[in-house]
Each structure stands twice: as structure tokens, then as C-alpha cells.
Amino acid sequence: MKTNIIIEKDGDGYLARVEGHENLFAFAYSEKEAIIELKNVVEMIMDYHLEQVNDERAI
């Protein structure tokens, strides 16, 4: 699955976001840091959804 990452200048820093997913974004003061922060956001959301699936299976 191919995912596009958009990096835009935003004030004093950069906004990195996953194209097509309005809630997956991160801000940092360098492009590299913004990408790292976005990776952390994506991992956090994936962990959350995995917990939800596991909770539903336990019921």
C-alpha cells in the first residue's frame, strides 16, 4: 500500500501529514523532525486501533 506524505512550511516550522487522512499530521521545527513526529502519530493510532480490535475479540 502506497501512502503519500505531504510536508509543508507552516510558520516557523513544518507540517507533515498523510494525504487523504485529515487527522494524521504532526508539526516540528525541521522537516526531518516533522516526519519523525508523524511516524510516532501513525504508530500511536495503529496501536489504538489494534487495542480496539483486541477488546472486541475478548467480548
PDB file of N, CA and C in Angstrom:
ATOM      1  N   MET A   1       0.843  -1.178   0.000  1.00  0.00           N
ATOM      2  CA  MET A   1       0.000   0.000   0.000  1.00  0.00           C
ATOM      3  C   MET A   1       0.890   1.243   0.000  1.00  0.00           C
ATOM      4  N   LYS A   2       0.681   2.095  -0.943  1.00  0.00           N
ATOM      5  CA  LYS A   2       1.474   3.313  -1.070  1.00  0.00           C
ATOM      6  C   LYS A   2       0.769   4.462  -0.335  1.00  0.00           C
ATOM      7  N   THR A   3       1.529   5.197   0.464  1.00  0.00           N
ATOM      8  CA  THR A   3       0.984   6.323   1.211  1.00  0.00           C
ATOM      9  C   THR A   3       1.818   7.560   0.911  1.00  0.00           C
ATOM     10  N   ASN A   4       1.153   8.652   0.584  1.00  0.00           N
ATOM     11  CA  ASN A   4       1.856   9.897   0.297  1.00  0.00           C
ATOM     12  C   ASN A   4       1.938  10.760   1.551  1.00  0.00           C
ATOM     13  N   ILE A   5       3.136  11.260   1.809  1.00  0.00           N
ATOM     14  CA  ILE A   5       3.375  12.172   2.917  1.00  0.00           C
ATOM     15  C   ILE A   5       3.585  13.565   2.329  1.00  0.00           C
ATOM     16  N   ILE A   6       2.848  14.529   2.851  1.00  0.00           N
ATOM     17  CA  ILE A   6       2.959  15.915   2.406  1.00  0.00           C
ATOM     18  C   ILE A   6       3.676  16.699   3.502  1.00  0.00           C
ATOM     19  N   ILE A   7       4.700  17.456   3.111  1.00  0.00           N
ATOM     20  CA  ILE A   7       5.420  18.305   4.060  1.00  0.00           C
ATOM     21  C   ILE A   7       5.304  19.736   3.571  1.00  0.00           C
ATOM     22  N   GLU A   8       4.784  20.594   4.454  1.00  0.00           N
ATOM     23  CA  GLU A   8       4.567  21.996   4.091  1.00  0.00           C
ATOM     24  C   GLU A   8       5.180  22.902   5.142  1.00  0.00           C
ATOM     25  N   LYS A   9       5.715  24.020   4.688  1.00  0.00           N
ATOM     26  CA  LYS A   9       6.195  25.051   5.609  1.00  0.00           C
ATOM     27  C   LYS A   9       4.980  25.618   6.328  1.00  0.00           C
ATOM     28  N   ASP A  10       5.087  25.771   7.654  1.00  0.00           N
ATOM     29  CA  ASP A  10       3.970  26.271   8.451  1.00  0.00           C
ATOM     30  C   ASP A  10       4.525  27.188   9.537  1.00  0.00           C
ATOM     31  N   GLY A  11       4.484  28.477   9.297  1.00  0.00           N
ATOM     32  CA  GLY A  11       5.026  29.421  10.268  1.00  0.00           C
ATOM     33  C   GLY A  11       6.521  29.221  10.437  1.00  0.00           C
ATOM     34  N   ASP A  12       6.935  28.950  11.666  1.00  0.00           N
ATOM     35  CA  ASP A  12       8.359  28.746  11.964  1.00  0.00           C
ATOM     36  C   ASP A  12       8.810  27.305  11.800  1.00  0.00           C
ATOM     37  N   GLY A  13       7.913  26.434  11.374  1.00  0.00           N
ATOM     38  CA  GLY A  13       8.264  25.020  11.278  1.00  0.00           C
ATOM     39  C   GLY A  13       7.665  24.359  10.059  1.00  0.00           C
ATOM     40  N   TYR A  14       7.440  23.057  10.208  1.00  0.00           N
ATOM     41  CA  TYR A  14       6.931  22.253   9.104  1.00  0.00           C
ATOM     42  C   TYR A  14       5.788  21.371   9.593  1.00  0.00           C
ATOM     43  N   LEU A  15       4.820  21.196   8.722  1.00  0.00           N
ATOM     44  CA  LEU A  15       3.688  20.319   8.990  1.00  0.00           C
ATOM     45  C   LEU A  15       3.809  19.123   8.053  1.00  0.00           C
ATOM     46  N   ALA A  16       3.870  17.931   8.639  1.00  0.00           N
ATOM     47  CA  ALA A  16       3.891  16.694   7.854  1.00  0.00           C
ATOM     48  C   ALA A  16       2.541  16.030   8.038  1.00  0.00           C
ATOM     49  N   ARG A  17       1.953  15.568   6.928  1.00  0.00           N
ATOM     50  CA  ARG A  17       0.647  14.934   7.024  1.00  0.00           C
ATOM     51  C   ARG A  17       0.537  13.806   6.020  1.00  0.00           C
ATOM     52  N   VAL A  18      -0.357  12.870   6.344  1.00  0.00           N
ATOM     53  CA  VAL A  18      -0.635  11.753   5.450  1.00  0.00           C
ATOM     54  C   VAL A  18      -1.779  12.180   4.543  1.00  0.00           C
ATOM     55  N   GLU A  19      -1.520  12.172   3.261  1.00  0.00           N
ATOM     56  CA  GLU A  19      -2.526  12.592   2.289  1.00  0.00           C
ATOM     57  C   GLU A  19      -3.767  11.706   2.391  1.00  0.00           C
ATOM     58  N   GLY A  20      -4.916  12.353   2.447  1.00  0.00           N
ATOM     59  CA  GLY A  20      -6.174  11.625   2.499  1.00  0.00           C
ATOM     60  C   GLY A  20      -6.641  11.250   3.898  1.00  0.00           C
ATOM     61  N   HIS A  21      -5.863  11.607   4.914  1.00  0.00           N
ATOM     62  CA  HIS A  21      -6.219  11.300   6.304  1.00  0.00           C
ATOM     63  C   HIS A  21      -6.076  12.584   7.127  1.00  0.00           C
ATOM     64  N   GLU A  22      -7.178  13.299   7.296  1.00  0.00           N
ATOM     65  CA  GLU A  22      -7.116  14.631   7.892  1.00  0.00           C
ATOM     66  C   GLU A  22      -6.618  14.648   9.334  1.00  0.00           C
ATOM     67  N   ASN A  23      -6.695  13.536  10.055  1.00  0.00           N
ATOM     68  CA  ASN A  23      -6.262  13.517  11.454  1.00  0.00           C
ATOM     69  C   ASN A  23      -4.847  12.990  11.657  1.00  0.00           C
ATOM     70  N   LEU A  24      -4.147  12.691  10.593  1.00  0.00           N
ATOM     71  CA  LEU A  24      -2.776  12.189  10.713  1.00  0.00           C
ATOM     72  C   LEU A  24      -1.805  13.277  10.279  1.00  0.00           C
ATOM     73  N   PHE A  25      -1.347  14.059  11.251  1.00  0.00           N
ATOM     74  CA  PHE A  25      -0.417  15.143  10.959  1.00  0.00           C
ATOM     75  C   PHE A  25       0.459  15.419  12.180  1.00  0.00           C
ATOM     76  N   ALA A  26       1.580  16.089  11.948  1.00  0.00           N
ATOM     77  CA  ALA A  26       2.492  16.446  13.033  1.00  0.00           C
ATOM     78  C   ALA A  26       3.252  17.708  12.654  1.00  0.00           C
ATOM     79  N   PHE A  27       3.602  18.497  13.660  1.00  0.00           N
ATOM     80  CA  PHE A  27       4.351  19.738  13.475  1.00  0.00           C
ATOM     81  C   PHE A  27       5.701  19.614  14.162  1.00  0.00           C
ATOM     82  N   ALA A  28       6.731  20.187  13.535  1.00  0.00           N
ATOM     83  CA  ALA A  28       8.064  20.272  14.145  1.00  0.00           C
ATOM     84  C   ALA A  28       8.819  21.419  13.479  1.00  0.00           C
ATOM     85  N   TYR A  29       9.983  21.739  14.034  1.00  0.00           N
ATOM     86  CA  TYR A  29      10.754  22.872  13.531  1.00  0.00           C
ATOM     87  C   TYR A  29      11.725  22.529  12.405  1.00  0.00           C
ATOM     88  N   SER A  30      11.804  21.252  12.039  1.00  0.00           N
ATOM     89  CA  SER A  30      12.564  20.857  10.854  1.00  0.00           C
ATOM     90  C   SER A  30      11.764  19.798  10.107  1.00  0.00           C
ATOM     91  N   GLU A  31      12.051  19.653   8.832  1.00  0.00           N
ATOM     92  CA  GLU A  31      11.339  18.653   8.031  1.00  0.00           C
ATOM     93  C   GLU A  31      11.562  17.243   8.584  1.00  0.00           C
ATOM     94  N   LYS A  32      12.810  16.948   8.932  1.00  0.00           N
ATOM     95  CA  LYS A  32      13.142  15.622   9.453  1.00  0.00           C
ATOM     96  C   LYS A  32      12.385  15.335  10.748  1.00  0.00           C
ATOM     97  N   GLU A  33      12.358  16.305  11.658  1.00  0.00           N
ATOM     98  CA  GLU A  33      11.637  16.121  12.920  1.00  0.00           C
ATOM     99  C   GLU A  33      10.137  15.951  12.682  1.00  0.00           C
ATOM    100  N   ALA A  34       9.592  16.676  11.714  1.00  0.00           N
ATOM    101  CA  ALA A  34       8.163  16.557  11.405  1.00  0.00           C
ATOM    102  C   ALA A  34       7.835  15.150  10.913  1.00  0.00           C
ATOM    103  N   ILE A  35       8.703  14.578  10.108  1.00  0.00           N
ATOM    104  CA  ILE A  35       8.489  13.211   9.619  1.00  0.00           C
ATOM    105  C   ILE A  35       8.574  12.213  10.772  1.00  0.00           C
ATOM    106  N   ILE A  36       9.540  12.396  11.655  1.00  0.00           N
ATOM    107  CA  ILE A  36       9.675  11.503  12.813  1.00  0.00           C
ATOM    108  C   ILE A  36       8.436  11.600  13.703  1.00  0.00           C
ATOM    109  N   GLU A  37       7.969  12.824  13.942  1.00  0.00           N
ATOM    110  CA  GLU A  37       6.775  13.016  14.762  1.00  0.00           C
ATOM    111  C   GLU A  37       5.544  12.400  14.094  1.00  0.00           C
ATOM    112  N   LEU A  38       5.446  12.525  12.778  1.00  0.00           N
ATOM    113  CA  LEU A  38       4.320  11.927  12.045  1.00  0.00           C
ATOM    114  C   LEU A  38       4.361  10.408  12.177  1.00  0.00           C
ATOM    115  N   LYS A  39       5.541   9.832  12.087  1.00  0.00           N
ATOM    116  CA  LYS A  39       5.685   8.381  12.271  1.00  0.00           C
ATOM    117  C   LYS A  39       5.161   7.983  13.653  1.00  0.00           C
ATOM    118  N   ASN A  40       5.486   8.765  14.676  1.00  0.00           N
ATOM    119  CA  ASN A  40       5.003   8.474  16.027  1.00  0.00           C
ATOM    120  C   ASN A  40       3.476   8.557  16.111  1.00  0.00           C
ATOM    121  N   VAL A  41       2.897   9.539  15.447  1.00  0.00           N
ATOM    122  CA  VAL A  41       1.437   9.684  15.432  1.00  0.00           C
ATOM    123  C   VAL A  41       0.793   8.471  14.766  1.00  0.00           C
ATOM    124  N   VAL A  42       1.323   8.069  13.626  1.00  0.00           N
ATOM    125  CA  VAL A  42       0.766   6.921  12.907  1.00  0.00           C
ATOM    126  C   VAL A  42       0.864   5.654  13.765  1.00  0.00           C
ATOM    127  N   GLU A  43       2.005   5.451  14.423  1.00  0.00           N
ATOM    128  CA  GLU A  43       2.169   4.275  15.283  1.00  0.00           C
ATOM    129  C   GLU A  43       1.180   4.306  16.444  1.00  0.00           C
ATOM    130  N   MET A  44       0.967   5.486  17.018  1.00  0.00           N
ATOM    131  CA  MET A  44       0.039   5.620  18.134  1.00  0.00           C
ATOM    132  C   MET A  44      -1.392   5.278  17.692  1.00  0.00           C
ATOM    133  N   ILE A  45      -1.792   5.765  16.527  1.00  0.00           N
ATOM    134  CA  ILE A  45      -3.135   5.482  16.014  1.00  0.00           C
ATOM    135  C   ILE A  45      -3.279   3.998  15.691  1.00  0.00           C
ATOM    136  N   MET A  46      -2.254   3.413  15.122  1.00  0.00           N
ATOM    137  CA  MET A  46      -2.308   1.976  14.813  1.00  0.00           C
ATOM    138  C   MET A  46      -2.429   1.153  16.096  1.00  0.00           C
ATOM    139  N   ASP A  47      -1.666   1.516  17.124  1.00  0.00           N
ATOM    140  CA  ASP A  47      -1.754   0.822  18.406  1.00  0.00           C
ATOM    141  C   ASP A  47      -3.156   0.942  19.001  1.00  0.00           C
ATOM    142  N   TYR A  48      -3.719   2.130  18.925  1.00  0.00           N
ATOM    143  CA  TYR A  48      -5.065   2.354  19.450  1.00  0.00           C
ATOM    144  C   TYR A  48      -6.081   1.448  18.744  1.00  0.00           C
ATOM    145  N   HIS A  49      -6.023   1.418  17.424  1.00  0.00           N
ATOM    146  CA  HIS A  49      -6.976   0.598  16.671  1.00  0.00           C
ATOM    147  C   HIS A  49      -6.767  -0.895  16.935  1.00  0.00           C
ATOM    148  N   LEU A  50      -5.524  -1.304  17.105  1.00  0.00           N
ATOM    149  CA  LEU A  50      -5.247  -2.709  17.426  1.00  0.00           C
ATOM    150  C   LEU A  50      -5.839  -3.070  18.787  1.00  0.00           C
ATOM    151  N   GLU A  51      -5.721  -2.167  19.765  1.00  0.00           N
ATOM    152  CA  GLU A  51      -6.327  -2.402  21.078  1.00  0.00           C
ATOM    153  C   GLU A  51      -7.839  -2.531  20.962  1.00  0.00           C
ATOM    154  N   GLN A  52      -8.460  -1.694  20.132  1.00  0.00           N
ATOM    155  CA  GLN A  52      -9.909  -1.754  19.948  1.00  0.00           C
ATOM    156  C   GLN A  52     -10.332  -3.104  19.359  1.00  0.00           C
ATOM    157  N   VAL A  53      -9.591  -3.591  18.383  1.00  0.00           N
ATOM    158  CA  VAL A  53      -9.896  -4.877  17.769  1.00  0.00           C
ATOM    159  C   VAL A  53      -9.730  -5.991  18.802  1.00  0.00           C
ATOM    160  N   ASN A  54      -8.650  -5.947  19.568  1.00  0.00           N
ATOM    161  CA  ASN A  54      -8.428  -6.978  20.578  1.00  0.00           C
ATOM    162  C   ASN A  54      -9.503  -6.950  21.658  1.00  0.00           C
ATOM    163  N   ASP A  55      -9.941  -5.769  22.050  1.00  0.00           N
ATOM    164  CA  ASP A  55     -11.028  -5.662  23.039  1.00  0.00           C
ATOM    165  C   ASP A  55     -12.315  -6.256  22.501  1.00  0.00           C
ATOM    166  N   GLU A  56     -12.617  -6.036  21.224  1.00  0.00           N
ATOM    167  CA  GLU A  56     -13.834  -6.587  20.629  1.00  0.00           C
ATOM    168  C   GLU A  56     -13.766  -8.108  20.550  1.00  0.00           C
ATOM    169  N   ARG A  57     -12.595  -8.640  20.299  1.00  0.00           N
ATOM    170  CA  ARG A  57     -12.435 -10.104  20.228  1.00  0.00           C
ATOM    171  C   ARG A  57     -12.619 -10.746  21.593  1.00  0.00           C
ATOM    172  N   ALA A  58     -12.279 -10.022  22.648  1.00  0.00           N
ATOM    173  CA  ALA A  58     -12.375 -10.558  24.003  1.00  0.00           C
ATOM    174  C   ALA A  58     -13.818 -10.621  24.485  1.00  0.00           C
ATOM    175  N   ILE A  59     -14.674  -9.895  23.849  1.00  0.00           N
ATOM    176  CA  ILE A  59     -16.091  -9.844  24.296  1.00  0.00           C
ATOM    177  C   ILE A  59     -16.853 -11.060  23.833  1.00  0.00           C
TER     178      ILE A  59
END
